[in-house]
PDB file of N, CA and C in Angstrom:
ATOM      1  N   MET A   1       7.328  48.562 -26.070  1.00  0.00           N
ATOM      2  CA  MET A   1       6.128  47.749 -25.999  1.00  0.00           C
ATOM      3  C   MET A   1       5.555  47.831 -24.587  1.00  0.00           C
ATOM      4  N   ASP A   2       4.303  48.149 -24.505  1.00  0.00           N
ATOM      5  CA  ASP A   2       3.635  48.312 -23.225  1.00  0.00           C
ATOM      6  C   ASP A   2       2.965  46.996 -22.831  1.00  0.00           C
ATOM      7  N   LEU A   3       3.465  46.386 -21.773  1.00  0.00           N
ATOM      8  CA  LEU A   3       2.969  45.082 -21.342  1.00  0.00           C
ATOM      9  C   LEU A   3       2.216  45.148 -20.017  1.00  0.00           C
ATOM     10  N   ASP A   4       1.642  46.295 -19.708  1.00  0.00           N
ATOM     11  CA  ASP A   4       0.920  46.443 -18.445  1.00  0.00           C
ATOM     12  C   ASP A   4      -0.328  45.580 -18.368  1.00  0.00           C
ATOM     13  N   PHE A   5      -0.861  45.163 -19.495  1.00  0.00           N
ATOM     14  CA  PHE A   5      -2.060  44.336 -19.495  1.00  0.00           C
ATOM     15  C   PHE A   5      -1.777  42.930 -18.948  1.00  0.00           C
ATOM     16  N   LEU A   6      -0.517  42.530 -18.870  1.00  0.00           N
ATOM     17  CA  LEU A   6      -0.179  41.200 -18.362  1.00  0.00           C
ATOM     18  C   LEU A   6      -0.351  41.076 -16.851  1.00  0.00           C
ATOM     19  N   ILE A   7      -0.297  42.190 -16.143  1.00  0.00           N
ATOM     20  CA  ILE A   7      -0.395  42.156 -14.681  1.00  0.00           C
ATOM     21  C   ILE A   7      -1.747  41.625 -14.221  1.00  0.00           C
ATOM     22  N   PRO A   8      -2.886  42.145 -14.709  1.00  0.00           N
ATOM     23  CA  PRO A   8      -4.160  41.574 -14.260  1.00  0.00           C
ATOM     24  C   PRO A   8      -4.356  40.129 -14.713  1.00  0.00           C
ATOM     25  N   ILE A   9      -3.850  39.784 -15.875  1.00  0.00           N
ATOM     26  CA  ILE A   9      -3.981  38.404 -16.356  1.00  0.00           C
ATOM     27  C   ILE A   9      -3.193  37.463 -15.451  1.00  0.00           C
ATOM     28  N   ALA A  10      -1.973  37.836 -15.107  1.00  0.00           N
ATOM     29  CA  ALA A  10      -1.153  37.004 -14.219  1.00  0.00           C
ATOM     30  C   ALA A  10      -1.791  36.912 -12.836  1.00  0.00           C
ATOM     31  N   PHE A  11      -2.347  38.018 -12.355  1.00  0.00           N
ATOM     32  CA  PHE A  11      -3.009  38.017 -11.056  1.00  0.00           C
ATOM     33  C   PHE A  11      -4.219  37.088 -11.069  1.00  0.00           C
ATOM     34  N   PHE A  12      -4.983  37.106 -12.146  1.00  0.00           N
ATOM     35  CA  PHE A  12      -6.148  36.224 -12.277  1.00  0.00           C
ATOM     36  C   PHE A  12      -5.718  34.758 -12.219  1.00  0.00           C
ATOM     37  N   PHE A  13      -4.705  34.387 -12.997  1.00  0.00           N
ATOM     38  CA  PHE A  13      -4.264  33.001 -13.003  1.00  0.00           C
ATOM     39  C   PHE A  13      -3.665  32.585 -11.659  1.00  0.00           C
ATOM     40  N   ALA A  14      -3.005  33.506 -10.971  1.00  0.00           N
ATOM     41  CA  ALA A  14      -2.477  33.192  -9.641  1.00  0.00           C
ATOM     42  C   ALA A  14      -3.616  32.935  -8.664  1.00  0.00           C
ATOM     43  N   CYS A  15      -4.668  33.737  -8.725  1.00  0.00           N
ATOM     44  CA  CYS A  15      -5.825  33.529  -7.844  1.00  0.00           C
ATOM     45  C   CYS A  15      -6.514  32.205  -8.149  1.00  0.00           C
ATOM     46  N   VAL A  16      -6.678  31.879  -9.431  1.00  0.00           N
ATOM     47  CA  VAL A  16      -7.302  30.612  -9.814  1.00  0.00           C
ATOM     48  C   VAL A  16      -6.474  29.444  -9.301  1.00  0.00           C
ATOM     49  N   TYR A  17      -5.167  29.531  -9.413  1.00  0.00           N
ATOM     50  CA  TYR A  17      -4.291  28.447  -8.947  1.00  0.00           C
ATOM     51  C   TYR A  17      -4.398  28.259  -7.433  1.00  0.00           C
ATOM     52  N   VAL A  18      -4.421  29.354  -6.696  1.00  0.00           N
ATOM     53  CA  VAL A  18      -4.532  29.267  -5.238  1.00  0.00           C
ATOM     54  C   VAL A  18      -5.875  28.654  -4.842  1.00  0.00           C
ATOM     55  N   ILE A  19      -6.952  29.087  -5.475  1.00  0.00           N
ATOM     56  CA  ILE A  19      -8.273  28.538  -5.162  1.00  0.00           C
ATOM     57  C   ILE A  19      -8.329  27.055  -5.506  1.00  0.00           C
ATOM     58  N   LYS A  20      -7.774  26.650  -6.637  1.00  0.00           N
ATOM     59  CA  LYS A  20      -7.764  25.244  -7.031  1.00  0.00           C
ATOM     60  C   LYS A  20      -6.967  24.401  -6.046  1.00  0.00           C
ATOM     61  N   THR A  21      -5.824  24.898  -5.610  1.00  0.00           N
ATOM     62  CA  THR A  21      -4.996  24.168  -4.652  1.00  0.00           C
ATOM     63  C   THR A  21      -5.723  23.986  -3.324  1.00  0.00           C
ATOM     64  N   ILE A  22      -6.367  25.042  -2.850  1.00  0.00           N
ATOM     65  CA  ILE A  22      -7.087  24.955  -1.584  1.00  0.00           C
ATOM     66  C   ILE A  22      -8.265  23.986  -1.686  1.00  0.00           C
ATOM     67  N   SER A  23      -9.012  24.060  -2.781  1.00  0.00           N
ATOM     68  CA  SER A  23     -10.162  23.159  -2.916  1.00  0.00           C
ATOM     69  C   SER A  23      -9.719  21.707  -3.082  1.00  0.00           C
ATOM     70  N   ASP A  24      -8.649  21.458  -3.823  1.00  0.00           N
ATOM     71  CA  ASP A  24      -8.134  20.089  -3.944  1.00  0.00           C
ATOM     72  C   ASP A  24      -7.691  19.538  -2.595  1.00  0.00           C
ATOM     73  N   ASN A  25      -7.071  20.381  -1.802  1.00  0.00           N
ATOM     74  CA  ASN A  25      -6.620  19.959  -0.478  1.00  0.00           C
ATOM     75  C   ASN A  25      -7.814  19.625   0.416  1.00  0.00           C
ATOM     76  N   ARG A  26      -8.850  20.433   0.360  1.00  0.00           N
ATOM     77  CA  ARG A  26     -10.042  20.163   1.179  1.00  0.00           C
ATOM     78  C   ARG A  26     -10.721  18.863   0.759  1.00  0.00           C
ATOM     79  N   VAL A  27     -10.837  18.643  -0.536  1.00  0.00           N
ATOM     80  CA  VAL A  27     -11.464  17.408  -1.017  1.00  0.00           C
ATOM     81  C   VAL A  27     -10.637  16.206  -0.595  1.00  0.00           C
ATOM     82  N   ARG A  28      -9.346  16.286  -0.738  1.00  0.00           N
ATOM     83  CA  ARG A  28      -8.473  15.179  -0.349  1.00  0.00           C
ATOM     84  C   ARG A  28      -8.592  14.892   1.145  1.00  0.00           C
ATOM     85  N   ASN A  29      -8.602  15.934   1.968  1.00  0.00           N
ATOM     86  CA  ASN A  29      -8.731  15.733   3.414  1.00  0.00           C
ATOM     87  C   ASN A  29     -10.084  15.124   3.789  1.00  0.00           C
ATOM     88  N   LYS A  30     -11.163  15.562   3.126  1.00  0.00           N
ATOM     89  CA  LYS A  30     -12.479  14.983   3.411  1.00  0.00           C
ATOM     90  C   LYS A  30     -12.527  13.513   3.020  1.00  0.00           C
ATOM     91  N   LEU A  31     -11.936  13.159   1.897  1.00  0.00           N
ATOM     92  CA  LEU A  31     -11.910  11.758   1.483  1.00  0.00           C
ATOM     93  C   LEU A  31     -11.126  10.902   2.473  1.00  0.00           C
ATOM     94  N   ILE A  32     -10.037  11.428   2.962  1.00  0.00           N
ATOM     95  CA  ILE A  32      -9.234  10.682   3.930  1.00  0.00           C
ATOM     96  C   ILE A  32      -9.981  10.540   5.250  1.00  0.00           C
ATOM     97  N   GLU A  33     -10.630  11.621   5.728  1.00  0.00           N
ATOM     98  CA  GLU A  33     -11.368  11.577   6.992  1.00  0.00           C
ATOM     99  C   GLU A  33     -12.550  10.603   6.927  1.00  0.00           C
ATOM    100  N   GLN A  34     -13.228  10.560   5.800  1.00  0.00           N
ATOM    101  CA  GLN A  34     -14.386   9.683   5.665  1.00  0.00           C
ATOM    102  C   GLN A  34     -13.995   8.249   5.347  1.00  0.00           C
ATOM    103  N   GLY A  35     -12.745   8.007   5.093  1.00  0.00           N
ATOM    104  CA  GLY A  35     -12.272   6.659   4.818  1.00  0.00           C
ATOM    105  C   GLY A  35     -12.676   6.141   3.453  1.00  0.00           C
ATOM    106  N   LYS A  36     -12.922   7.032   2.526  1.00  0.00           N
ATOM    107  CA  LYS A  36     -13.342   6.615   1.192  1.00  0.00           C
ATOM    108  C   LYS A  36     -12.163   6.265   0.299  1.00  0.00           C
ATOM    109  N   ILE A  37     -10.976   6.383   0.824  1.00  0.00           N
ATOM    110  CA  ILE A  37      -9.783   6.011   0.066  1.00  0.00           C
ATOM    111  C   ILE A  37      -9.290   4.684   0.620  1.00  0.00           C
ATOM    112  N   ASP A  38      -9.168   3.695  -0.239  1.00  0.00           N
ATOM    113  CA  ASP A  38      -8.708   2.389   0.228  1.00  0.00           C
ATOM    114  C   ASP A  38      -7.188   2.418   0.441  1.00  0.00           C
ATOM    115  N   GLU A  39      -6.675   1.377   1.006  1.00  0.00           N
ATOM    116  CA  GLU A  39      -5.259   1.304   1.357  1.00  0.00           C
ATOM    117  C   GLU A  39      -4.350   1.357   0.130  1.00  0.00           C
ATOM    118  N   ASP A  40      -4.840   0.877  -0.998  1.00  0.00           N
ATOM    119  CA  ASP A  40      -4.024   0.886  -2.205  1.00  0.00           C
ATOM    120  C   ASP A  40      -3.771   2.300  -2.723  1.00  0.00           C
ATOM    121  N   ALA A  41      -4.705   3.209  -2.499  1.00  0.00           N
ATOM    122  CA  ALA A  41      -4.569   4.566  -3.024  1.00  0.00           C
ATOM    123  C   ALA A  41      -3.940   5.529  -2.020  1.00  0.00           C
ATOM    124  N   LYS A  42      -3.761   5.111  -0.780  1.00  0.00           N
ATOM    125  CA  LYS A  42      -3.205   6.026   0.216  1.00  0.00           C
ATOM    126  C   LYS A  42      -1.761   6.408  -0.088  1.00  0.00           C
ATOM    127  N   TYR A  43      -1.043   5.568  -0.823  1.00  0.00           N
ATOM    128  CA  TYR A  43       0.346   5.902  -1.143  1.00  0.00           C
ATOM    129  C   TYR A  43       0.419   7.131  -2.043  1.00  0.00           C
ATOM    130  N   LEU A  44      -0.660   7.439  -2.757  1.00  0.00           N
ATOM    131  CA  LEU A  44      -0.665   8.628  -3.608  1.00  0.00           C
ATOM    132  C   LEU A  44      -0.597   9.914  -2.793  1.00  0.00           C
ATOM    133  N   PHE A  45      -1.120   9.863  -1.572  1.00  0.00           N
ATOM    134  CA  PHE A  45      -1.163  11.055  -0.735  1.00  0.00           C
ATOM    135  C   PHE A  45      -0.114  11.041   0.363  1.00  0.00           C
ATOM    136  N   SER A  46       0.671  10.002   0.461  1.00  0.00           N
ATOM    137  CA  SER A  46       1.579   9.863   1.593  1.00  0.00           C
ATOM    138  C   SER A  46       2.786  10.784   1.521  1.00  0.00           C
ATOM    139  N   ASN A  47       3.325  11.020   0.341  1.00  0.00           N
ATOM    140  CA  ASN A  47       4.550  11.819   0.261  1.00  0.00           C
ATOM    141  C   ASN A  47       4.335  13.114  -0.505  1.00  0.00           C
ATOM    142  N   ILE A  48       3.183  13.729  -0.342  1.00  0.00           N
ATOM    143  CA  ILE A  48       2.901  14.991  -1.011  1.00  0.00           C
ATOM    144  C   ILE A  48       3.828  16.086  -0.504  1.00  0.00           C
ATOM    145  N   ASP A  49       4.083  16.116   0.795  1.00  0.00           N
ATOM    146  CA  ASP A  49       4.975  17.135   1.342  1.00  0.00           C
ATOM    147  C   ASP A  49       6.379  17.003   0.777  1.00  0.00           C
ATOM    148  N   GLN A  50       6.860  15.779   0.626  1.00  0.00           N
ATOM    149  CA  GLN A  50       8.200  15.584   0.095  1.00  0.00           C
ATOM    150  C   GLN A  50       8.272  16.028  -1.365  1.00  0.00           C
ATOM    151  N   LYS A  51       7.242  15.731  -2.154  1.00  0.00           N
ATOM    152  CA  LYS A  51       7.256  16.155  -3.555  1.00  0.00           C
ATOM    153  C   LYS A  51       7.252  17.670  -3.660  1.00  0.00           C
ATOM    154  N   GLY A  52       6.485  18.331  -2.822  1.00  0.00           N
ATOM    155  CA  GLY A  52       6.473  19.787  -2.825  1.00  0.00           C
ATOM    156  C   GLY A  52       7.809  20.358  -2.401  1.00  0.00           C
ATOM    157  N   TRP A  53       8.435  19.719  -1.439  1.00  0.00           N
ATOM    158  CA  TRP A  53       9.742  20.141  -0.946  1.00  0.00           C
ATOM    159  C   TRP A  53      10.780  19.993  -2.044  1.00  0.00           C
ATOM    160  N   LEU A  54      10.744  18.870  -2.760  1.00  0.00           N
ATOM    161  CA  LEU A  54      11.704  18.649  -3.837  1.00  0.00           C
ATOM    162  C   LEU A  54      11.456  19.590  -5.007  1.00  0.00           C
ATOM    163  N   SER A  55      10.210  19.889  -5.288  1.00  0.00           N
ATOM    164  CA  SER A  55       9.897  20.829  -6.363  1.00  0.00           C
ATOM    165  C   SER A  55      10.402  22.225  -6.019  1.00  0.00           C
ATOM    166  N   ALA A  56      10.238  22.627  -4.774  1.00  0.00           N
ATOM    167  CA  ALA A  56      10.746  23.931  -4.342  1.00  0.00           C
ATOM    168  C   ALA A  56      12.264  23.970  -4.433  1.00  0.00           C
ATOM    169  N   LEU A  57      12.913  22.867  -4.086  1.00  0.00           N
ATOM    170  CA  LEU A  57      14.369  22.794  -4.206  1.00  0.00           C
ATOM    171  C   LEU A  57      14.793  22.944  -5.659  1.00  0.00           C
ATOM    172  N   LYS A  58      14.100  22.256  -6.564  1.00  0.00           N
ATOM    173  CA  LYS A  58      14.452  22.315  -7.982  1.00  0.00           C
ATOM    174  C   LYS A  58      14.346  23.740  -8.513  1.00  0.00           C
ATOM    175  N   TRP A  59      13.207  24.372  -8.274  1.00  0.00           N
ATOM    176  CA  TRP A  59      13.021  25.709  -8.810  1.00  0.00           C
ATOM    177  C   TRP A  59      13.912  26.727  -8.117  1.00  0.00           C
ATOM    178  N   GLY A  60      14.207  26.514  -6.852  1.00  0.00           N
ATOM    179  CA  GLY A  60      15.148  27.393  -6.167  1.00  0.00           C
ATOM    180  C   GLY A  60      16.529  27.315  -6.785  1.00  0.00           C
ATOM    181  N   LEU A  61      16.996  26.110  -7.075  1.00  0.00           N
ATOM    182  CA  LEU A  61      18.307  25.958  -7.696  1.00  0.00           C
ATOM    183  C   LEU A  61      18.340  26.552  -9.104  1.00  0.00           C
ATOM    184  N   VAL A  62      17.269  26.371  -9.871  1.00  0.00           N
ATOM    185  CA  VAL A  62      17.229  26.934 -11.225  1.00  0.00           C
ATOM    186  C   VAL A  62      17.233  28.456 -11.169  1.00  0.00           C
ATOM    187  N   LEU A  63      16.458  29.038 -10.274  1.00  0.00           N
ATOM    188  CA  LEU A  63      16.399  30.497 -10.185  1.00  0.00           C
ATOM    189  C   LEU A  63      17.698  31.091  -9.656  1.00  0.00           C
ATOM    190  N   VAL A  64      18.347  30.404  -8.729  1.00  0.00           N
ATOM    191  CA  VAL A  64      19.662  30.868  -8.272  1.00  0.00           C
ATOM    192  C   VAL A  64      20.649  30.817  -9.429  1.00  0.00           C
ATOM    193  N   GLY A  65      20.575  29.765 -10.242  1.00  0.00           N
ATOM    194  CA  GLY A  65      21.443  29.671 -11.414  1.00  0.00           C
ATOM    195  C   GLY A  65      21.205  30.800 -12.397  1.00  0.00           C
ATOM    196  N   ILE A  66      19.944  31.143 -12.628  1.00  0.00           N
ATOM    197  CA  ILE A  66      19.635  32.241 -13.539  1.00  0.00           C
ATOM    198  C   ILE A  66      20.133  33.565 -12.969  1.00  0.00           C
ATOM    199  N   GLY A  67      19.974  33.759 -11.669  1.00  0.00           N
ATOM    200  CA  GLY A  67      20.505  34.972 -11.037  1.00  0.00           C
ATOM    201  C   GLY A  67      22.016  35.056 -11.152  1.00  0.00           C
ATOM    202  N   LEU A  68      22.688  33.933 -10.959  1.00  0.00           N
ATOM    203  CA  LEU A  68      24.146  33.913 -11.130  1.00  0.00           C
ATOM    204  C   LEU A  68      24.532  34.221 -12.575  1.00  0.00           C
ATOM    205  N   ALA A  69      23.731  33.778 -13.524  1.00  0.00           N
ATOM    206  CA  ALA A  69      24.010  34.061 -14.929  1.00  0.00           C
ATOM    207  C   ALA A  69      23.931  35.557 -15.210  1.00  0.00           C
ATOM    208  N   PHE A  70      22.952  36.223 -14.624  1.00  0.00           N
ATOM    209  CA  PHE A  70      22.864  37.674 -14.812  1.00  0.00           C
ATOM    210  C   PHE A  70      24.053  38.385 -14.182  1.00  0.00           C
ATOM    211  N   LEU A  71      24.469  37.932 -13.006  1.00  0.00           N
ATOM    212  CA  LEU A  71      25.660  38.521 -12.394  1.00  0.00           C
ATOM    213  C   LEU A  71      26.901  38.232 -13.225  1.00  0.00           C
ATOM    214  N   PHE A  72      27.002  37.022 -13.744  1.00  0.00           N
ATOM    215  CA  PHE A  72      28.120  36.616 -14.581  1.00  0.00           C
ATOM    216  C   PHE A  72      28.169  37.461 -15.854  1.00  0.00           C
ATOM    217  N   GLY A  73      27.006  37.731 -16.443  1.00  0.00           N
ATOM    218  CA  GLY A  73      26.947  38.529 -17.662  1.00  0.00           C
ATOM    219  C   GLY A  73      27.387  39.957 -17.471  1.00  0.00           C
ATOM    220  N   GLN A  74      27.247  40.479 -16.257  1.00  0.00           N
ATOM    221  CA  GLN A  74      27.647  41.859 -15.992  1.00  0.00           C
ATOM    222  C   GLN A  74      29.165  42.038 -15.923  1.00  0.00           C
ATOM    223  N   LEU A  75      29.899  40.949 -15.841  1.00  0.00           N
ATOM    224  CA  LEU A  75      31.357  41.027 -15.771  1.00  0.00           C
ATOM    225  C   LEU A  75      31.979  41.369 -17.117  1.00  0.00           C
ATOM    226  N   PHE A  76      31.239  41.221 -18.197  1.00  0.00           N
ATOM    227  CA  PHE A  76      31.770  41.442 -19.531  1.00  0.00           C
ATOM    228  C   PHE A  76      31.368  42.810 -20.040  1.00  0.00           C
ATOM    229  N   GLY A  77      32.066  43.241 -21.066  1.00  0.00           N
ATOM    230  CA  GLY A  77      31.783  44.533 -21.671  1.00  0.00           C
ATOM    231  C   GLY A  77      30.441  44.542 -22.375  1.00  0.00           C
ATOM    232  N   PRO A  78      29.981  45.730 -22.760  1.00  0.00           N
ATOM    233  CA  PRO A  78      28.655  45.845 -23.381  1.00  0.00           C
ATOM    234  C   PRO A  78      28.519  45.047 -24.680  1.00  0.00           C
ATOM    235  N   GLU A  79      29.608  44.826 -25.388  1.00  0.00           N
ATOM    236  CA  GLU A  79      29.504  44.115 -26.661  1.00  0.00           C
ATOM    237  C   GLU A  79      29.267  42.615 -26.482  1.00  0.00           C
ATOM    238  N   LEU A  80      29.653  42.033 -25.343  1.00  0.00           N
ATOM    239  CA  LEU A  80      29.463  40.605 -25.086  1.00  0.00           C
ATOM    240  C   LEU A  80      28.442  40.319 -23.994  1.00  0.00           C
ATOM    241  N   ARG A  81      27.937  41.333 -23.356  1.00  0.00           N
ATOM    242  CA  ARG A  81      27.084  41.155 -22.184  1.00  0.00           C
ATOM    243  C   ARG A  81      25.838  40.311 -22.493  1.00  0.00           C
ATOM    244  N   GLY A  82      25.161  40.598 -23.577  1.00  0.00           N
ATOM    245  CA  GLY A  82      23.931  39.876 -23.904  1.00  0.00           C
ATOM    246  C   GLY A  82      24.183  38.410 -24.203  1.00  0.00           C
ATOM    247  N   GLU A  83      25.194  38.139 -25.004  1.00  0.00           N
ATOM    248  CA  GLU A  83      25.487  36.750 -25.365  1.00  0.00           C
ATOM    249  C   GLU A  83      25.944  35.945 -24.161  1.00  0.00           C
ATOM    250  N   MET A  84      26.781  36.526 -23.336  1.00  0.00           N
ATOM    251  CA  MET A  84      27.277  35.813 -22.163  1.00  0.00           C
ATOM    252  C   MET A  84      26.168  35.591 -21.142  1.00  0.00           C
ATOM    253  N   THR A  85      25.240  36.532 -21.031  1.00  0.00           N
ATOM    254  CA  THR A  85      24.129  36.363 -20.097  1.00  0.00           C
ATOM    255  C   THR A  85      23.209  35.226 -20.547  1.00  0.00           C
ATOM    256  N   VAL A  86      22.856  35.208 -21.824  1.00  0.00           N
ATOM    257  CA  VAL A  86      21.973  34.150 -22.329  1.00  0.00           C
ATOM    258  C   VAL A  86      22.667  32.794 -22.217  1.00  0.00           C
ATOM    259  N   GLY A  87      23.923  32.726 -22.606  1.00  0.00           N
ATOM    260  CA  GLY A  87      24.663  31.469 -22.472  1.00  0.00           C
ATOM    261  C   GLY A  87      24.792  31.040 -21.021  1.00  0.00           C
ATOM    262  N   GLY A  88      25.016  32.009 -20.142  1.00  0.00           N
ATOM    263  CA  GLY A  88      25.123  31.707 -18.717  1.00  0.00           C
ATOM    264  C   GLY A  88      23.822  31.219 -18.129  1.00  0.00           C
ATOM    265  N   ILE A  89      22.698  31.744 -18.624  1.00  0.00           N
ATOM    266  CA  ILE A  89      21.391  31.285 -18.130  1.00  0.00           C
ATOM    267  C   ILE A  89      21.237  29.795 -18.390  1.00  0.00           C
ATOM    268  N   PHE A  90      21.515  29.376 -19.611  1.00  0.00           N
ATOM    269  CA  PHE A  90      21.397  27.950 -19.930  1.00  0.00           C
ATOM    270  C   PHE A  90      22.404  27.119 -19.151  1.00  0.00           C
ATOM    271  N   LEU A  91      23.623  27.615 -19.032  1.00  0.00           N
ATOM    272  CA  LEU A  91      24.667  26.881 -18.323  1.00  0.00           C
ATOM    273  C   LEU A  91      24.337  26.725 -16.846  1.00  0.00           C
ATOM    274  N   PHE A  92      24.057  27.821 -16.171  1.00  0.00           N
ATOM    275  CA  PHE A  92      23.819  27.755 -14.732  1.00  0.00           C
ATOM    276  C   PHE A  92      22.483  27.107 -14.382  1.00  0.00           C
ATOM    277  N   ALA A  93      21.450  27.293 -15.227  1.00  0.00           N
ATOM    278  CA  ALA A  93      20.178  26.604 -14.977  1.00  0.00           C
ATOM    279  C   ALA A  93      20.374  25.100 -15.146  1.00  0.00           C
ATOM    280  N   GLY A  94      21.159  24.699 -16.129  1.00  0.00           N
ATOM    281  CA  GLY A  94      21.462  23.284 -16.315  1.00  0.00           C
ATOM    282  C   GLY A  94      22.248  22.710 -15.154  1.00  0.00           C
ATOM    283  N   ILE A  95      23.197  23.456 -14.650  1.00  0.00           N
ATOM    284  CA  ILE A  95      23.962  23.010 -13.484  1.00  0.00           C
ATOM    285  C   ILE A  95      23.043  22.874 -12.276  1.00  0.00           C
ATOM    286  N   GLY A  96      22.115  23.821 -12.110  1.00  0.00           N
ATOM    287  CA  GLY A  96      21.156  23.741 -11.015  1.00  0.00           C
ATOM    288  C   GLY A  96      20.281  22.498 -11.116  1.00  0.00           C
ATOM    289  N   LEU A  97      19.848  22.149 -12.339  1.00  0.00           N
ATOM    290  CA  LEU A  97      19.039  20.945 -12.525  1.00  0.00           C
ATOM    291  C   LEU A  97      19.853  19.680 -12.258  1.00  0.00           C
ATOM    292  N   LEU A  98      21.126  19.673 -12.634  1.00  0.00           N
ATOM    293  CA  LEU A  98      21.976  18.517 -12.339  1.00  0.00           C
ATOM    294  C   LEU A  98      22.173  18.346 -10.838  1.00  0.00           C
ATOM    295  N   ILE A  99      22.390  19.445 -10.124  1.00  0.00           N
ATOM    296  CA  ILE A  99      22.529  19.384  -8.671  1.00  0.00           C
ATOM    297  C   ILE A  99      21.243  18.853  -8.059  1.00  0.00           C
ATOM    298  N   TYR A 100      20.099  19.338  -8.556  1.00  0.00           N
ATOM    299  CA  TYR A 100      18.805  18.862  -8.064  1.00  0.00           C
ATOM    300  C   TYR A 100      18.657  17.363  -8.286  1.00  0.00           C
ATOM    301  N   TYR A 101      19.046  16.894  -9.454  1.00  0.00           N
ATOM    302  CA  TYR A 101      18.907  15.470  -9.767  1.00  0.00           C
ATOM    303  C   TYR A 101      19.659  14.614  -8.754  1.00  0.00           C
ATOM    304  N   PHE A 102      20.902  14.966  -8.476  1.00  0.00           N
ATOM    305  CA  PHE A 102      21.699  14.150  -7.562  1.00  0.00           C
ATOM    306  C   PHE A 102      21.187  14.253  -6.123  1.00  0.00           C
ATOM    307  N   VAL A 103      20.778  15.441  -5.701  1.00  0.00           N
ATOM    308  CA  VAL A 103      20.247  15.605  -4.346  1.00  0.00           C
ATOM    309  C   VAL A 103      18.929  14.847  -4.193  1.00  0.00           C
ATOM    310  N   ALA A 104      18.023  14.984  -5.168  1.00  0.00           N
ATOM    311  CA  ALA A 104      16.727  14.317  -5.085  1.00  0.00           C
ATOM    312  C   ALA A 104      16.895  12.802  -5.143  1.00  0.00           C
ATOM    313  N   ARG A 105      17.805  12.314  -5.963  1.00  0.00           N
ATOM    314  CA  ARG A 105      18.028  10.877  -6.044  1.00  0.00           C
ATOM    315  C   ARG A 105      18.514  10.333  -4.706  1.00  0.00           C
ATOM    316  N   ASN A 106      19.421  11.048  -4.041  1.00  0.00           N
ATOM    317  CA  ASN A 106      19.914  10.606  -2.738  1.00  0.00           C
ATOM    318  C   ASN A 106      18.809  10.628  -1.690  1.00  0.00           C
ATOM    319  N   ILE A 107      17.970  11.645  -1.702  1.00  0.00           N
ATOM    320  CA  ILE A 107      16.876  11.740  -0.736  1.00  0.00           C
ATOM    321  C   ILE A 107      15.869  10.632  -0.961  1.00  0.00           C
ATOM    322  N   ILE A 108      15.502  10.372  -2.203  1.00  0.00           N
ATOM    323  CA  ILE A 108      14.525   9.327  -2.502  1.00  0.00           C
ATOM    324  C   ILE A 108      15.091   7.950  -2.158  1.00  0.00           C
ATOM    325  N   GLU A 109      16.372   7.709  -2.423  1.00  0.00           N
ATOM    326  CA  GLU A 109      16.988   6.415  -2.075  1.00  0.00           C
ATOM    327  C   GLU A 109      17.021   6.197  -0.569  1.00  0.00           C
ATOM    328  N   LYS A 110      17.261   7.253   0.196  1.00  0.00           N
ATOM    329  CA  LYS A 110      17.279   7.126   1.663  1.00  0.00           C
ATOM    330  C   LYS A 110      15.900   6.814   2.208  1.00  0.00           C
ATOM    331  N   ASN A 111      14.845   7.361   1.582  1.00  0.00           N
ATOM    332  CA  ASN A 111      13.486   7.136   2.074  1.00  0.00           C
ATOM    333  C   ASN A 111      12.931   5.777   1.676  1.00  0.00           C
ATOM    334  N   GLU A 112      13.483   5.165   0.670  1.00  0.00           N
ATOM    335  CA  GLU A 112      12.982   3.845   0.239  1.00  0.00           C
ATOM    336  C   GLU A 112      13.691   2.795   0.962  1.00  0.00           C
TER     337      GLU A 112
END
């Protein structure tokens, strides 16, 4: 199956996402500079960096888990390689999400 057509589509969506992120950031900064955001709504923008940091941690742990699953699957013979890799993906990605949960909970509790 030839899936080369997915490359321009993925590139288009990546460009749209980057442009949307930049424009949202500019609008948010202009609203803050002009003082059009009252004190009640400022908490929405106060910990954006921390949320991004935690999201990067989550996806990093999940992707490391998936990579470990592929390495784990290579340890078995060809007859079990596929099943062990798929099972390992779910296992290690789940372990990565559990690690993220405990780390994020500790970080959020310390900041509150």
